[in-house]
């Protein structure tokens, strides 16, 4: 086996091991997040709404406003908004 092949194999092995390590860390973090949602639920919080709040907080103001406007447009088109909101 030449040096170039040996180097490529070593590099590949290093990449795979790093990905595996991060995947393991991701599992641990996902478990931690699950525990926090369970704690929130035990304290009477609606976890479905809490997840929505988390998703909303990830977006900037402009992105949120645009999504809300489109949502209102769609709901209005389906007759799902009260008359005063549709105006």
PDB file of N, CA and C in Angstrom:
ATOM      1  N   UNK A   1       0.859  -1.160   0.000  1.00  0.00           N
ATOM      2  CA  UNK A   1       0.000   0.000   0.000  1.00  0.00           C
ATOM      3  C   UNK A   1       0.908   1.225   0.000  1.00  0.00           C
ATOM      4  N   UNK A   2       0.608   2.175  -0.892  1.00  0.00           N
ATOM      5  CA  UNK A   2       1.461   3.357  -0.949  1.00  0.00           C
ATOM      6  C   UNK A   2       1.059   4.383   0.108  1.00  0.00           C
ATOM      7  N   UNK A   3       1.895   5.373   0.283  1.00  0.00           N
ATOM      8  CA  UNK A   3       1.693   6.388   1.318  1.00  0.00           C
ATOM      9  C   UNK A   3       0.409   7.165   1.109  1.00  0.00           C
ATOM     10  N   UNK A   4       0.094   7.468  -0.151  1.00  0.00           N
ATOM     11  CA  UNK A   4      -1.116   8.241  -0.466  1.00  0.00           C
ATOM     12  C   UNK A   4      -2.372   7.474  -0.055  1.00  0.00           C
ATOM     13  N   UNK A   5      -2.420   6.183  -0.344  1.00  0.00           N
ATOM     14  CA  UNK A   5      -3.561   5.346   0.026  1.00  0.00           C
ATOM     15  C   UNK A   5      -3.665   5.225   1.538  1.00  0.00           C
ATOM     16  N   UNK A   6      -2.533   5.049   2.174  1.00  0.00           N
ATOM     17  CA  UNK A   6      -2.511   4.933   3.631  1.00  0.00           C
ATOM     18  C   UNK A   6      -3.012   6.213   4.281  1.00  0.00           C
ATOM     19  N   UNK A   7      -2.585   7.368   3.740  1.00  0.00           N
ATOM     20  CA  UNK A   7      -3.037   8.656   4.268  1.00  0.00           C
ATOM     21  C   UNK A   7      -4.547   8.798   4.085  1.00  0.00           C
ATOM     22  N   UNK A   8      -5.083   8.450   2.915  1.00  0.00           N
ATOM     23  CA  UNK A   8      -6.516   8.558   2.635  1.00  0.00           C
ATOM     24  C   UNK A   8      -7.316   7.658   3.575  1.00  0.00           C
ATOM     25  N   UNK A   9      -6.822   6.460   3.826  1.00  0.00           N
ATOM     26  CA  UNK A   9      -7.504   5.552   4.740  1.00  0.00           C
ATOM     27  C   UNK A   9      -7.520   6.114   6.153  1.00  0.00           C
ATOM     28  N   UNK A  10      -6.403   6.672   6.580  1.00  0.00           N
ATOM     29  CA  UNK A  10      -6.319   7.270   7.905  1.00  0.00           C
ATOM     30  C   UNK A  10      -7.256   8.468   8.026  1.00  0.00           C
ATOM     31  N   UNK A  11      -7.305   9.273   6.975  1.00  0.00           N
ATOM     32  CA  UNK A  11      -8.186  10.437   6.972  1.00  0.00           C
ATOM     33  C   UNK A  11      -9.649   9.996   7.018  1.00  0.00           C
ATOM     34  N   UNK A  12     -10.004   8.987   6.235  1.00  0.00           N
ATOM     35  CA  UNK A  12     -11.365   8.459   6.220  1.00  0.00           C
ATOM     36  C   UNK A  12     -11.751   7.929   7.595  1.00  0.00           C
ATOM     37  N   UNK A  13     -10.845   7.159   8.205  1.00  0.00           N
ATOM     38  CA  UNK A  13     -11.116   6.609   9.531  1.00  0.00           C
ATOM     39  C   UNK A  13     -11.333   7.724  10.541  1.00  0.00           C
ATOM     40  N   UNK A  14     -10.529   8.776  10.474  1.00  0.00           N
ATOM     41  CA  UNK A  14     -10.665   9.916  11.377  1.00  0.00           C
ATOM     42  C   UNK A  14     -12.019  10.611  11.189  1.00  0.00           C
ATOM     43  N   UNK A  15     -12.423  10.801   9.948  1.00  0.00           N
ATOM     44  CA  UNK A  15     -13.713  11.434   9.669  1.00  0.00           C
ATOM     45  C   UNK A  15     -14.867  10.609  10.218  1.00  0.00           C
ATOM     46  N   UNK A  16     -14.818   9.306   9.970  1.00  0.00           N
ATOM     47  CA  UNK A  16     -15.877   8.411  10.449  1.00  0.00           C
ATOM     48  C   UNK A  16     -15.948   8.431  11.968  1.00  0.00           C
ATOM     49  N   UNK A  17     -14.812   8.382  12.624  1.00  0.00           N
ATOM     50  CA  UNK A  17     -14.793   8.393  14.094  1.00  0.00           C
ATOM     51  C   UNK A  17     -15.319   9.710  14.647  1.00  0.00           C
ATOM     52  N   UNK A  18     -14.989  10.822  14.015  1.00  0.00           N
ATOM     53  CA  UNK A  18     -15.508  12.124  14.459  1.00  0.00           C
ATOM     54  C   UNK A  18     -17.025  12.194  14.304  1.00  0.00           C
ATOM     55  N   UNK A  19     -17.523  11.693  13.179  1.00  0.00           N
ATOM     56  CA  UNK A  19     -18.977  11.684  12.958  1.00  0.00           C
ATOM     57  C   UNK A  19     -19.656  10.799  13.999  1.00  0.00           C
ATOM     58  N   UNK A  20     -19.088   9.626  14.247  1.00  0.00           N
ATOM     59  CA  UNK A  20     -19.659   8.725  15.245  1.00  0.00           C
ATOM     60  C   UNK A  20     -19.697   9.373  16.631  1.00  0.00           C
ATOM     61  N   UNK A  21     -18.632  10.071  16.987  1.00  0.00           N
ATOM     62  CA  UNK A  21     -18.565  10.749  18.285  1.00  0.00           C
ATOM     63  C   UNK A  21     -19.646  11.832  18.378  1.00  0.00           C
ATOM     64  N   UNK A  22     -19.808  12.609  17.308  1.00  0.00           N
ATOM     65  CA  UNK A  22     -20.836  13.657  17.300  1.00  0.00           C
ATOM     66  C   UNK A  22     -22.246  13.071  17.322  1.00  0.00           C
ATOM     67  N   UNK A  23     -22.450  11.965  16.626  1.00  0.00           N
ATOM     68  CA  UNK A  23     -23.761  11.296  16.657  1.00  0.00           C
ATOM     69  C   UNK A  23     -24.092  10.844  18.077  1.00  0.00           C
ATOM     70  N   UNK A  24     -23.099  10.355  18.792  1.00  0.00           N
ATOM     71  CA  UNK A  24     -23.306   9.927  20.175  1.00  0.00           C
ATOM     72  C   UNK A  24     -23.651  11.133  21.050  1.00  0.00           C
ATOM     73  N   UNK A  25     -22.940  12.241  20.857  1.00  0.00           N
ATOM     74  CA  UNK A  25     -23.230  13.468  21.609  1.00  0.00           C
ATOM     75  C   UNK A  25     -24.643  13.965  21.291  1.00  0.00           C
ATOM     76  N   UNK A  26     -25.037  13.836  20.028  1.00  0.00           N
ATOM     77  CA  UNK A  26     -26.375  14.259  19.612  1.00  0.00           C
ATOM     78  C   UNK A  26     -27.446  13.452  20.350  1.00  0.00           C
ATOM     79  N   UNK A  27     -27.213  12.150  20.519  1.00  0.00           N
ATOM     80  CA  UNK A  27     -28.158  11.310  21.265  1.00  0.00           C
ATOM     81  C   UNK A  27     -28.296  11.778  22.698  1.00  0.00           C
ATOM     82  N   UNK A  28     -27.160  12.086  23.326  1.00  0.00           N
ATOM     83  CA  UNK A  28     -27.169  12.539  24.716  1.00  0.00           C
ATOM     84  C   UNK A  28     -27.942  13.859  24.829  1.00  0.00           C
ATOM     85  N   UNK A  29     -27.670  14.785  23.923  1.00  0.00           N
ATOM     86  CA  UNK A  29     -28.347  16.083  23.950  1.00  0.00           C
ATOM     87  C   UNK A  29     -29.846  15.907  23.700  1.00  0.00           C
ATOM     88  N   UNK A  30     -30.217  15.045  22.757  1.00  0.00           N
ATOM     89  CA  UNK A  30     -31.639  14.792  22.484  1.00  0.00           C
ATOM     90  C   UNK A  30     -32.321  14.229  23.728  1.00  0.00           C
ATOM     91  N   UNK A  31     -31.625  13.377  24.450  1.00  0.00           N
ATOM     92  CA  UNK A  31     -32.170  12.838  25.699  1.00  0.00           C
ATOM     93  C   UNK A  31     -32.355  13.925  26.745  1.00  0.00           C
ATOM     94  N   UNK A  32     -31.390  14.838  26.823  1.00  0.00           N
ATOM     95  CA  UNK A  32     -31.493  15.963  27.760  1.00  0.00           C
ATOM     96  C   UNK A  32     -32.689  16.849  27.425  1.00  0.00           C
ATOM     97  N   UNK A  33     -32.866  17.115  26.143  1.00  0.00           N
ATOM     98  CA  UNK A  33     -33.996  17.946  25.704  1.00  0.00           C
ATOM     99  C   UNK A  33     -35.315  17.258  26.036  1.00  0.00           C
ATOM    100  N   UNK A  34     -35.379  15.954  25.810  1.00  0.00           N
ATOM    101  CA  UNK A  34     -36.586  15.179  26.122  1.00  0.00           C
ATOM    102  C   UNK A  34     -36.916  15.280  27.609  1.00  0.00           C
ATOM    103  N   UNK A  35     -35.892  15.222  28.450  1.00  0.00           N
ATOM    104  CA  UNK A  35     -36.104  15.345  29.898  1.00  0.00           C
ATOM    105  C   UNK A  35     -36.650  16.720  30.270  1.00  0.00           C
ATOM    106  N   UNK A  36     -36.167  17.754  29.607  1.00  0.00           N
ATOM    107  CA  UNK A  36     -36.652  19.112  29.898  1.00  0.00           C
ATOM    108  C   UNK A  36     -38.115  19.257  29.486  1.00  0.00           C
ATOM    109  N   UNK A  37     -38.481  18.689  28.337  1.00  0.00           N
ATOM    110  CA  UNK A  37     -39.894  18.727  27.924  1.00  0.00           C
ATOM    111  C   UNK A  37     -40.754  17.950  28.917  1.00  0.00           C
ATOM    112  N   UNK A  38     -40.256  16.830  29.420  1.00  0.00           N
ATOM    113  CA  UNK A  38     -41.002  16.053  30.417  1.00  0.00           C
ATOM    114  C   UNK A  38     -41.174  16.872  31.689  1.00  0.00           C
ATOM    115  N   UNK A  39     -40.139  17.591  32.086  1.00  0.00           N
ATOM    116  CA  UNK A  39     -40.219  18.470  33.260  1.00  0.00           C
ATOM    117  C   UNK A  39     -41.251  19.568  33.032  1.00  0.00           C
ATOM    118  N   UNK A  40     -41.234  20.154  31.842  1.00  0.00           N
ATOM    119  CA  UNK A  40     -42.198  21.208  31.519  1.00  0.00           C
ATOM    120  C   UNK A  40     -43.623  20.657  31.599  1.00  0.00           C
ATOM    121  N   UNK A  41     -43.830  19.459  31.043  1.00  0.00           N
ATOM    122  CA  UNK A  41     -45.154  18.833  31.072  1.00  0.00           C
ATOM    123  C   UNK A  41     -45.583  18.556  32.506  1.00  0.00           C
ATOM    124  N   UNK A  42     -44.658  18.072  33.314  1.00  0.00           N
ATOM    125  CA  UNK A  42     -44.965  17.777  34.724  1.00  0.00           C
ATOM    126  C   UNK A  42     -45.338  19.048  35.488  1.00  0.00           C
ATOM    127  N   UNK A  43     -44.846  20.183  35.028  1.00  0.00           N
ATOM    128  CA  UNK A  43     -45.161  21.463  35.662  1.00  0.00           C
ATOM    129  C   UNK A  43     -46.373  22.143  35.031  1.00  0.00           C
ATOM    130  N   UNK A  44     -47.083  21.416  34.160  1.00  0.00           N
ATOM    131  CA  UNK A  44     -48.334  21.918  33.620  1.00  0.00           C
ATOM    132  C   UNK A  44     -48.232  22.686  32.309  1.00  0.00           C
ATOM    133  N   UNK A  45     -47.061  22.708  31.690  1.00  0.00           N
ATOM    134  CA  UNK A  45     -46.922  23.411  30.419  1.00  0.00           C
ATOM    135  C   UNK A  45     -47.318  22.508  29.262  1.00  0.00           C
ATOM    136  N   UNK A  46     -47.900  23.101  28.238  1.00  0.00           N
ATOM    137  CA  UNK A  46     -48.276  22.378  27.023  1.00  0.00           C
ATOM    138  C   UNK A  46     -47.023  22.245  26.161  1.00  0.00           C
ATOM    139  N   UNK A  47     -46.491  21.037  26.039  1.00  0.00           N
ATOM    140  CA  UNK A  47     -45.230  20.856  25.334  1.00  0.00           C
ATOM    141  C   UNK A  47     -45.355  21.087  23.829  1.00  0.00           C
ATOM    142  N   UNK A  48     -46.526  20.840  23.276  1.00  0.00           N
ATOM    143  CA  UNK A  48     -46.725  21.108  21.849  1.00  0.00           C
ATOM    144  C   UNK A  48     -46.573  22.610  21.583  1.00  0.00           C
ATOM    145  N   UNK A  49     -47.172  23.429  22.441  1.00  0.00           N
ATOM    146  CA  UNK A  49     -47.058  24.874  22.296  1.00  0.00           C
ATOM    147  C   UNK A  49     -45.635  25.317  22.611  1.00  0.00           C
ATOM    148  N   UNK A  50     -45.019  24.707  23.589  1.00  0.00           N
ATOM    149  CA  UNK A  50     -43.638  25.041  23.937  1.00  0.00           C
ATOM    150  C   UNK A  50     -42.706  24.794  22.752  1.00  0.00           C
ATOM    151  N   UNK A  51     -42.919  23.696  22.033  1.00  0.00           N
ATOM    152  CA  UNK A  51     -42.117  23.411  20.832  1.00  0.00           C
ATOM    153  C   UNK A  51     -42.328  24.482  19.770  1.00  0.00           C
ATOM    154  N   UNK A  52     -43.569  24.959  19.637  1.00  0.00           N
ATOM    155  CA  UNK A  52     -43.844  26.035  18.678  1.00  0.00           C
ATOM    156  C   UNK A  52     -43.127  27.318  19.083  1.00  0.00           C
ATOM    157  N   UNK A  53     -43.136  27.610  20.376  1.00  0.00           N
ATOM    158  CA  UNK A  53     -42.439  28.803  20.876  1.00  0.00           C
ATOM    159  C   UNK A  53     -40.952  28.714  20.549  1.00  0.00           C
ATOM    160  N   UNK A  54     -40.369  27.556  20.767  1.00  0.00           N
ATOM    161  CA  UNK A  54     -38.943  27.355  20.467  1.00  0.00           C
ATOM    162  C   UNK A  54     -38.685  27.580  18.982  1.00  0.00           C
ATOM    163  N   UNK A  55     -39.547  27.040  18.131  1.00  0.00           N
ATOM    164  CA  UNK A  55     -39.384  27.205  16.681  1.00  0.00           C
ATOM    165  C   UNK A  55     -39.517  28.673  16.279  1.00  0.00           C
ATOM    166  N   UNK A  56     -40.469  29.374  16.882  1.00  0.00           N
ATOM    167  CA  UNK A  56     -40.675  30.792  16.569  1.00  0.00           C
ATOM    168  C   UNK A  56     -39.458  31.612  16.985  1.00  0.00           C
ATOM    169  N   UNK A  57     -38.909  31.309  18.150  1.00  0.00           N
ATOM    170  CA  UNK A  57     -37.755  32.071  18.649  1.00  0.00           C
ATOM    171  C   UNK A  57     -36.510  31.912  17.777  1.00  0.00           C
ATOM    172  N   UNK A  58     -36.458  30.848  16.985  1.00  0.00           N
ATOM    173  CA  UNK A  58     -35.321  30.624  16.095  1.00  0.00           C
ATOM    174  C   UNK A  58     -35.356  31.565  14.892  1.00  0.00           C
ATOM    175  N   UNK A  59     -36.528  32.128  14.594  1.00  0.00           N
ATOM    176  CA  UNK A  59     -36.710  32.952  13.401  1.00  0.00           C
ATOM    177  C   UNK A  59     -36.559  34.429  13.734  1.00  0.00           C
ATOM    178  N   UNK A  60     -36.106  35.196  12.757  1.00  0.00           N
ATOM    179  CA  UNK A  60     -36.036  36.636  12.995  1.00  0.00           C
ATOM    180  C   UNK A  60     -37.426  37.249  12.803  1.00  0.00           C
ATOM    181  N   UNK A  61     -37.568  38.478  13.247  1.00  0.00           N
ATOM    182  CA  UNK A  61     -38.873  39.153  13.242  1.00  0.00           C
ATOM    183  C   UNK A  61     -39.490  39.184  11.848  1.00  0.00           C
ATOM    184  N   UNK A  62     -38.701  39.522  10.840  1.00  0.00           N
ATOM    185  CA  UNK A  62     -39.222  39.624   9.473  1.00  0.00           C
ATOM    186  C   UNK A  62     -39.756  38.272   8.982  1.00  0.00           C
ATOM    187  N   UNK A  63     -39.022  37.232   9.245  1.00  0.00           N
ATOM    188  CA  UNK A  63     -39.443  35.886   8.818  1.00  0.00           C
ATOM    189  C   UNK A  63     -40.746  35.489   9.512  1.00  0.00           C
ATOM    190  N   UNK A  64     -40.857  35.792  10.822  1.00  0.00           N
ATOM    191  CA  UNK A  64     -42.092  35.485  11.564  1.00  0.00           C
ATOM    192  C   UNK A  64     -43.273  36.263  11.000  1.00  0.00           C
ATOM    193  N   UNK A  65     -43.086  37.559  10.761  1.00  0.00           N
ATOM    194  CA  UNK A  65     -44.177  38.390  10.253  1.00  0.00           C
ATOM    195  C   UNK A  65     -44.646  37.906   8.884  1.00  0.00           C
ATOM    196  N   UNK A  66     -43.699  37.517   8.039  1.00  0.00           N
ATOM    197  CA  UNK A  66     -44.045  37.019   6.708  1.00  0.00           C
ATOM    198  C   UNK A  66     -44.862  35.731   6.812  1.00  0.00           C
ATOM    199  N   UNK A  67     -44.425  34.808   7.671  1.00  0.00           N
ATOM    200  CA  UNK A  67     -45.161  33.554   7.860  1.00  0.00           C
ATOM    201  C   UNK A  67     -46.561  33.806   8.418  1.00  0.00           C
ATOM    202  N   UNK A  68     -46.664  34.716   9.384  1.00  0.00           N
ATOM    203  CA  UNK A  68     -47.966  35.041   9.967  1.00  0.00           C
ATOM    204  C   UNK A  68     -48.902  35.644   8.929  1.00  0.00           C
ATOM    205  N   UNK A  69     -48.374  36.506   8.072  1.00  0.00           N
ATOM    206  CA  UNK A  69     -49.195  37.131   7.030  1.00  0.00           C
ATOM    207  C   UNK A  69     -49.706  36.074   6.046  1.00  0.00           C
ATOM    208  N   UNK A  70     -48.840  35.158   5.657  1.00  0.00           N
ATOM    209  CA  UNK A  70     -49.248  34.098   4.727  1.00  0.00           C
ATOM    210  C   UNK A  70     -50.257  33.173   5.397  1.00  0.00           C
ATOM    211  N   UNK A  71     -50.023  32.845   6.674  1.00  0.00           N
ATOM    212  CA  UNK A  71     -50.967  32.004   7.412  1.00  0.00           C
ATOM    213  C   UNK A  71     -52.334  32.674   7.481  1.00  0.00           C
ATOM    214  N   UNK A  72     -52.368  33.972   7.815  1.00  0.00           N
ATOM    215  CA  UNK A  72     -53.631  34.709   7.856  1.00  0.00           C
ATOM    216  C   UNK A  72     -54.317  34.705   6.493  1.00  0.00           C
ATOM    217  N   UNK A  73     -53.542  34.876   5.440  1.00  0.00           N
ATOM    218  CA  UNK A  73     -54.097  34.856   4.082  1.00  0.00           C
ATOM    219  C   UNK A  73     -54.759  33.516   3.794  1.00  0.00           C
ATOM    220  N   UNK A  74     -54.067  32.430   4.110  1.00  0.00           N
ATOM    221  CA  UNK A  74     -54.606  31.092   3.873  1.00  0.00           C
ATOM    222  C   UNK A  74     -55.848  30.837   4.725  1.00  0.00           C
ATOM    223  N   UNK A  75     -55.785  31.194   6.007  1.00  0.00           N
ATOM    224  CA  UNK A  75     -56.937  30.986   6.891  1.00  0.00           C
ATOM    225  C   UNK A  75     -58.130  31.812   6.434  1.00  0.00           C
ATOM    226  N   UNK A  76     -57.874  33.035   6.002  1.00  0.00           N
ATOM    227  CA  UNK A  76     -58.953  33.887   5.494  1.00  0.00           C
ATOM    228  C   UNK A  76     -59.572  33.266   4.241  1.00  0.00           C
ATOM    229  N   UNK A  77     -58.737  32.757   3.344  1.00  0.00           N
ATOM    230  CA  UNK A  77     -59.232  32.137   2.111  1.00  0.00           C
ATOM    231  C   UNK A  77     -60.093  30.918   2.416  1.00  0.00           C
ATOM    232  N   UNK A  78     -59.819  30.249   3.535  1.00  0.00           N
ATOM    233  CA  UNK A  78     -60.593  29.076   3.924  1.00  0.00           C
ATOM    234  C   UNK A  78     -61.764  29.421   4.843  1.00  0.00           C
ATOM    235  N   UNK A  79     -61.951  30.732   5.111  1.00  0.00           N
ATOM    236  CA  UNK A  79     -63.041  31.166   5.976  1.00  0.00           C
ATOM    237  C   UNK A  79     -62.832  30.801   7.426  1.00  0.00           C
ATOM    238  N   UNK A  80     -61.597  30.714   7.851  1.00  0.00           N
ATOM    239  CA  UNK A  80     -61.296  30.271   9.211  1.00  0.00           C
ATOM    240  C   UNK A  80     -60.965  31.417  10.169  1.00  0.00           C
ATOM    241  N   UNK A  81     -60.978  32.658   9.687  1.00  0.00           N
ATOM    242  CA  UNK A  81     -60.702  33.821  10.543  1.00  0.00           C
ATOM    243  C   UNK A  81     -62.027  34.509  10.875  1.00  0.00           C
ATOM    244  N   UNK A  82     -62.168  34.990  12.118  1.00  0.00           N
ATOM    245  CA  UNK A  82     -63.354  35.793  12.441  1.00  0.00           C
ATOM    246  C   UNK A  82     -63.403  37.025  11.537  1.00  0.00           C
ATOM    247  N   UNK A  83     -64.601  37.541  11.287  1.00  0.00           N
ATOM    248  CA  UNK A  83     -64.783  38.658  10.353  1.00  0.00           C
ATOM    249  C   UNK A  83     -63.936  39.858  10.694  1.00  0.00           C
ATOM    250  N   UNK A  84     -63.807  40.211  11.992  1.00  0.00           N
ATOM    251  CA  UNK A  84     -63.017  41.389  12.359  1.00  0.00           C
ATOM    252  C   UNK A  84     -61.525  41.197  12.090  1.00  0.00           C
ATOM    253  N   UNK A  85     -61.021  39.960  12.185  1.00  0.00           N
ATOM    254  CA  UNK A  85     -59.612  39.699  11.899  1.00  0.00           C
ATOM    255  C   UNK A  85     -59.358  39.708  10.404  1.00  0.00           C
ATOM    256  N   UNK A  86     -60.316  39.272   9.615  1.00  0.00           N
ATOM    257  CA  UNK A  86     -60.145  39.185   8.175  1.00  0.00           C
ATOM    258  C   UNK A  86     -60.074  40.571   7.532  1.00  0.00           C
ATOM    259  N   UNK A  87     -60.649  41.561   8.183  1.00  0.00           N
ATOM    260  CA  UNK A  87     -60.656  42.916   7.603  1.00  0.00           C
ATOM    261  C   UNK A  87     -59.363  43.620   7.716  1.00  0.00           C
TER     262      UNK A  87
END
